[in-house]
Amino acid sequence: MSPSLPDIVHDEAASRFEVVVDGLRCVVDYRRTGPVVDLHHTGVPRPLEGRGIAAALVRAALDWAAAQGLKVRPSCSYVRVYMQRHPETQGLRA
């Protein structure tokens, strides 16, 4: 990940975690239904791919879910793979 990655912002009104890098918005969108949060979309513009931005966004979303006592439904394929690669997140699965 880029050492100069700006702070990730949790925009609860938009149900997303986001960061703007080089003028481009990167996001993880979610839907919350009761005690379950569905991480359904991860978006990083092509010029920013491979810099660890999506992983940082997903980590922020998972950390938030854990802190809120929520379970996670990883309907986004990137989030699903991230959780498979990080066994410590399995306890969050809905």
N, C-alpha and C. Protein backbone atom coordinates (compact mmCIF):
# COMPACT_ATOMS: atom_id res chain seq x y z
N MET A 1 0.84 -1.18 0.00
CA MET A 1 0.00 0.00 0.00
C MET A 1 0.89 1.24 0.00
N SER A 2 0.40 2.26 -0.63
CA SER A 2 1.12 3.52 -0.69
C SER A 2 1.26 4.11 0.71
N PRO A 3 2.49 4.50 1.11
CA PRO A 3 2.65 5.08 2.43
C PRO A 3 1.95 6.43 2.55
N SER A 4 1.59 7.04 1.43
CA SER A 4 0.94 8.35 1.46
C SER A 4 -0.58 8.25 1.32
N LEU A 5 -1.14 7.06 1.57
CA LEU A 5 -2.59 6.88 1.46
C LEU A 5 -3.28 7.78 2.48
N PRO A 6 -4.19 8.65 2.00
CA PRO A 6 -4.92 9.51 2.94
C PRO A 6 -5.82 8.68 3.85
N ASP A 7 -6.34 9.32 4.87
CA ASP A 7 -7.23 8.64 5.80
C ASP A 7 -8.50 8.17 5.10
N ILE A 8 -8.92 6.97 5.44
CA ILE A 8 -10.18 6.42 4.93
C ILE A 8 -11.32 7.07 5.73
N VAL A 9 -12.37 7.46 5.02
CA VAL A 9 -13.52 8.12 5.62
C VAL A 9 -14.71 7.17 5.59
N HIS A 10 -15.41 7.08 6.72
CA HIS A 10 -16.65 6.30 6.76
C HIS A 10 -17.79 7.28 6.59
N ASP A 11 -18.45 7.22 5.44
CA ASP A 11 -19.60 8.08 5.14
C ASP A 11 -20.85 7.26 5.42
N GLU A 12 -21.34 7.34 6.66
CA GLU A 12 -22.50 6.52 7.06
C GLU A 12 -23.74 6.88 6.26
N ALA A 13 -23.93 8.15 5.91
CA ALA A 13 -25.11 8.56 5.15
C ALA A 13 -25.14 7.89 3.78
N ALA A 14 -23.97 7.66 3.19
CA ALA A 14 -23.87 7.02 1.87
C ALA A 14 -23.63 5.52 1.99
N SER A 15 -23.49 5.00 3.22
CA SER A 15 -23.20 3.58 3.46
C SER A 15 -21.95 3.14 2.69
N ARG A 16 -20.86 3.86 2.95
CA ARG A 16 -19.61 3.51 2.26
C ARG A 16 -18.39 3.97 3.04
N PHE A 17 -17.30 3.28 2.75
CA PHE A 17 -15.98 3.70 3.19
C PHE A 17 -15.29 4.21 1.93
N GLU A 18 -14.60 5.33 2.04
CA GLU A 18 -13.99 5.90 0.83
C GLU A 18 -12.69 6.60 1.15
N VAL A 19 -11.90 6.71 0.11
CA VAL A 19 -10.66 7.47 0.17
C VAL A 19 -10.43 8.03 -1.23
N VAL A 20 -9.91 9.25 -1.30
CA VAL A 20 -9.59 9.87 -2.58
C VAL A 20 -8.07 9.87 -2.71
N VAL A 21 -7.59 9.23 -3.78
CA VAL A 21 -6.15 9.13 -4.04
C VAL A 21 -5.90 9.68 -5.44
N ASP A 22 -4.98 10.60 -5.54
CA ASP A 22 -4.66 11.22 -6.83
C ASP A 22 -5.91 11.75 -7.52
N GLY A 23 -6.84 12.28 -6.74
CA GLY A 23 -8.07 12.84 -7.28
C GLY A 23 -9.13 11.82 -7.67
N LEU A 24 -8.88 10.54 -7.42
CA LEU A 24 -9.82 9.48 -7.78
C LEU A 24 -10.41 8.84 -6.53
N ARG A 25 -11.73 8.65 -6.54
CA ARG A 25 -12.43 8.08 -5.39
C ARG A 25 -12.41 6.56 -5.43
N CYS A 26 -12.07 5.96 -4.30
CA CYS A 26 -12.05 4.50 -4.13
C CYS A 26 -13.07 4.21 -3.02
N VAL A 27 -13.85 3.14 -3.19
CA VAL A 27 -14.94 2.89 -2.24
C VAL A 27 -15.13 1.42 -1.89
N VAL A 28 -15.73 1.20 -0.75
CA VAL A 28 -16.38 -0.06 -0.38
C VAL A 28 -17.78 0.35 0.06
N ASP A 29 -18.78 -0.15 -0.68
CA ASP A 29 -20.17 0.15 -0.38
C ASP A 29 -20.79 -0.99 0.42
N TYR A 30 -21.71 -0.65 1.31
CA TYR A 30 -22.37 -1.68 2.11
C TYR A 30 -23.85 -1.37 2.29
N ARG A 31 -24.57 -2.41 2.68
CA ARG A 31 -25.97 -2.29 3.10
C ARG A 31 -26.07 -2.92 4.48
N ARG A 32 -26.64 -2.19 5.41
CA ARG A 32 -26.79 -2.74 6.77
C ARG A 32 -28.25 -3.10 7.00
N THR A 33 -28.46 -4.34 7.41
CA THR A 33 -29.79 -4.81 7.77
C THR A 33 -29.69 -5.43 9.15
N GLY A 34 -30.16 -4.70 10.14
CA GLY A 34 -30.06 -5.20 11.51
C GLY A 34 -28.62 -5.44 11.88
N PRO A 35 -28.32 -6.66 12.37
CA PRO A 35 -26.96 -6.96 12.83
C PRO A 35 -26.03 -7.47 11.72
N VAL A 36 -26.47 -7.35 10.45
CA VAL A 36 -25.66 -7.84 9.33
C VAL A 36 -25.35 -6.70 8.38
N VAL A 37 -24.09 -6.63 7.99
CA VAL A 37 -23.67 -5.64 7.00
C VAL A 37 -23.21 -6.41 5.75
N ASP A 38 -23.80 -6.07 4.63
CA ASP A 38 -23.48 -6.71 3.34
C ASP A 38 -22.49 -5.81 2.61
N LEU A 39 -21.24 -6.26 2.52
CA LEU A 39 -20.23 -5.52 1.75
C LEU A 39 -20.40 -5.97 0.30
N HIS A 40 -21.07 -5.14 -0.50
CA HIS A 40 -21.51 -5.56 -1.83
C HIS A 40 -20.74 -4.97 -2.99
N HIS A 41 -19.87 -4.00 -2.75
CA HIS A 41 -19.14 -3.42 -3.88
C HIS A 41 -17.83 -2.80 -3.41
N THR A 42 -16.77 -3.12 -4.13
CA THR A 42 -15.47 -2.49 -3.92
C THR A 42 -15.07 -1.88 -5.25
N GLY A 43 -14.69 -0.62 -5.23
CA GLY A 43 -14.31 0.05 -6.47
C GLY A 43 -13.03 0.85 -6.33
N VAL A 44 -12.05 0.49 -7.14
CA VAL A 44 -10.80 1.23 -7.21
C VAL A 44 -10.53 1.49 -8.69
N PRO A 45 -10.41 2.76 -9.09
CA PRO A 45 -10.15 3.05 -10.50
C PRO A 45 -8.86 2.37 -11.00
N ARG A 46 -8.90 1.93 -12.23
CA ARG A 46 -7.80 1.17 -12.83
C ARG A 46 -6.41 1.80 -12.61
N PRO A 47 -6.24 3.12 -12.73
CA PRO A 47 -4.89 3.67 -12.52
C PRO A 47 -4.35 3.48 -11.11
N LEU A 48 -5.22 3.14 -10.17
CA LEU A 48 -4.79 2.98 -8.77
C LEU A 48 -4.69 1.52 -8.34
N GLU A 49 -5.04 0.60 -9.23
CA GLU A 49 -5.02 -0.82 -8.87
C GLU A 49 -3.61 -1.27 -8.49
N GLY A 50 -3.54 -2.26 -7.62
CA GLY A 50 -2.26 -2.83 -7.23
C GLY A 50 -1.52 -2.06 -6.16
N ARG A 51 -2.16 -1.09 -5.56
CA ARG A 51 -1.51 -0.28 -4.53
C ARG A 51 -2.00 -0.62 -3.12
N GLY A 52 -2.87 -1.63 -3.00
CA GLY A 52 -3.35 -2.05 -1.68
C GLY A 52 -4.50 -1.20 -1.15
N ILE A 53 -5.07 -0.36 -2.01
CA ILE A 53 -6.13 0.53 -1.56
C ILE A 53 -7.41 -0.25 -1.24
N ALA A 54 -7.79 -1.18 -2.10
CA ALA A 54 -9.00 -1.98 -1.85
C ALA A 54 -8.86 -2.76 -0.55
N ALA A 55 -7.69 -3.34 -0.32
CA ALA A 55 -7.47 -4.10 0.92
C ALA A 55 -7.60 -3.20 2.14
N ALA A 56 -7.07 -1.98 2.06
CA ALA A 56 -7.17 -1.04 3.18
C ALA A 56 -8.62 -0.66 3.45
N LEU A 57 -9.39 -0.45 2.37
CA LEU A 57 -10.81 -0.12 2.53
C LEU A 57 -11.59 -1.27 3.16
N VAL A 58 -11.34 -2.48 2.68
CA VAL A 58 -12.04 -3.65 3.22
C VAL A 58 -11.65 -3.84 4.69
N ARG A 59 -10.38 -3.69 5.00
CA ARG A 59 -9.94 -3.82 6.39
C ARG A 59 -10.67 -2.81 7.28
N ALA A 60 -10.80 -1.57 6.81
CA ALA A 60 -11.50 -0.54 7.59
C ALA A 60 -12.96 -0.93 7.80
N ALA A 61 -13.60 -1.43 6.76
CA ALA A 61 -15.00 -1.84 6.88
C ALA A 61 -15.15 -3.01 7.84
N LEU A 62 -14.25 -3.98 7.77
CA LEU A 62 -14.32 -5.13 8.66
C LEU A 62 -14.04 -4.73 10.11
N ASP A 63 -13.08 -3.83 10.30
CA ASP A 63 -12.78 -3.35 11.65
C ASP A 63 -13.99 -2.63 12.25
N TRP A 64 -14.66 -1.82 11.42
CA TRP A 64 -15.87 -1.13 11.87
C TRP A 64 -16.96 -2.14 12.25
N ALA A 65 -17.18 -3.13 11.38
CA ALA A 65 -18.21 -4.14 11.65
C ALA A 65 -17.91 -4.85 12.97
N ALA A 66 -16.66 -5.22 13.17
CA ALA A 66 -16.29 -5.91 14.41
C ALA A 66 -16.53 -5.01 15.62
N ALA A 67 -16.15 -3.75 15.52
CA ALA A 67 -16.34 -2.81 16.64
C ALA A 67 -17.81 -2.59 16.95
N GLN A 68 -18.67 -2.70 15.94
CA GLN A 68 -20.11 -2.51 16.12
C GLN A 68 -20.82 -3.80 16.51
N GLY A 69 -20.09 -4.92 16.54
CA GLY A 69 -20.70 -6.20 16.87
C GLY A 69 -21.56 -6.74 15.74
N LEU A 70 -21.24 -6.36 14.50
CA LEU A 70 -22.01 -6.80 13.33
C LEU A 70 -21.40 -8.04 12.70
N LYS A 71 -22.22 -8.76 11.96
CA LYS A 71 -21.75 -9.86 11.13
C LYS A 71 -21.66 -9.35 9.70
N VAL A 72 -20.82 -9.98 8.89
CA VAL A 72 -20.56 -9.51 7.53
C VAL A 72 -21.00 -10.54 6.50
N ARG A 73 -21.72 -10.07 5.51
CA ARG A 73 -22.05 -10.88 4.33
C ARG A 73 -21.18 -10.34 3.20
N PRO A 74 -20.17 -11.11 2.76
CA PRO A 74 -19.27 -10.64 1.71
C PRO A 74 -19.81 -10.96 0.31
N SER A 75 -20.79 -10.18 -0.16
CA SER A 75 -21.35 -10.48 -1.49
C SER A 75 -20.47 -9.94 -2.62
N CYS A 76 -19.55 -9.04 -2.32
CA CYS A 76 -18.57 -8.58 -3.32
C CYS A 76 -17.47 -9.64 -3.42
N SER A 77 -17.12 -10.02 -4.64
CA SER A 77 -16.12 -11.06 -4.82
C SER A 77 -14.77 -10.67 -4.21
N TYR A 78 -14.39 -9.41 -4.27
CA TYR A 78 -13.11 -8.99 -3.68
C TYR A 78 -13.14 -9.18 -2.17
N VAL A 79 -14.23 -8.80 -1.54
CA VAL A 79 -14.35 -8.95 -0.09
C VAL A 79 -14.31 -10.42 0.29
N ARG A 80 -14.99 -11.26 -0.49
CA ARG A 80 -15.00 -12.70 -0.23
C ARG A 80 -13.58 -13.26 -0.27
N VAL A 81 -12.81 -12.90 -1.30
CA VAL A 81 -11.42 -13.38 -1.42
C VAL A 81 -10.57 -12.82 -0.28
N TYR A 82 -10.76 -11.57 0.04
CA TYR A 82 -9.99 -10.96 1.14
C TYR A 82 -10.21 -11.75 2.43
N MET A 83 -11.48 -12.04 2.71
CA MET A 83 -11.79 -12.77 3.95
C MET A 83 -11.23 -14.19 3.92
N GLN A 84 -11.21 -14.82 2.75
CA GLN A 84 -10.62 -16.16 2.64
C GLN A 84 -9.12 -16.11 2.91
N ARG A 85 -8.47 -15.05 2.46
CA ARG A 85 -7.02 -14.91 2.64
C ARG A 85 -6.64 -14.46 4.05
N HIS A 86 -7.61 -13.99 4.81
CA HIS A 86 -7.36 -13.51 6.17
C HIS A 86 -8.27 -14.27 7.14
N PRO A 87 -7.82 -15.46 7.56
CA PRO A 87 -8.64 -16.33 8.39
C PRO A 87 -9.13 -15.66 9.68
N GLU A 88 -8.41 -14.66 10.15
CA GLU A 88 -8.84 -13.98 11.38
C GLU A 88 -10.16 -13.24 11.20
N THR A 89 -10.61 -13.08 9.97
CA THR A 89 -11.89 -12.39 9.73
C THR A 89 -13.08 -13.36 9.67
N GLN A 90 -12.83 -14.65 9.70
CA GLN A 90 -13.90 -15.64 9.53
C GLN A 90 -14.98 -15.56 10.61
N GLY A 91 -14.62 -15.14 11.80
CA GLY A 91 -15.61 -15.00 12.87
C GLY A 91 -16.63 -13.91 12.60
N LEU A 92 -16.36 -13.05 11.64
CA LEU A 92 -17.30 -11.98 11.29
C LEU A 92 -18.37 -12.42 10.30
N ARG A 93 -18.16 -13.56 9.64
CA ARG A 93 -19.09 -13.99 8.59
C ARG A 93 -20.49 -14.20 9.13
N ALA A 94 -21.46 -13.70 8.36
CA ALA A 94 -22.87 -13.89 8.72
C ALA A 94 -23.29 -15.30 8.40
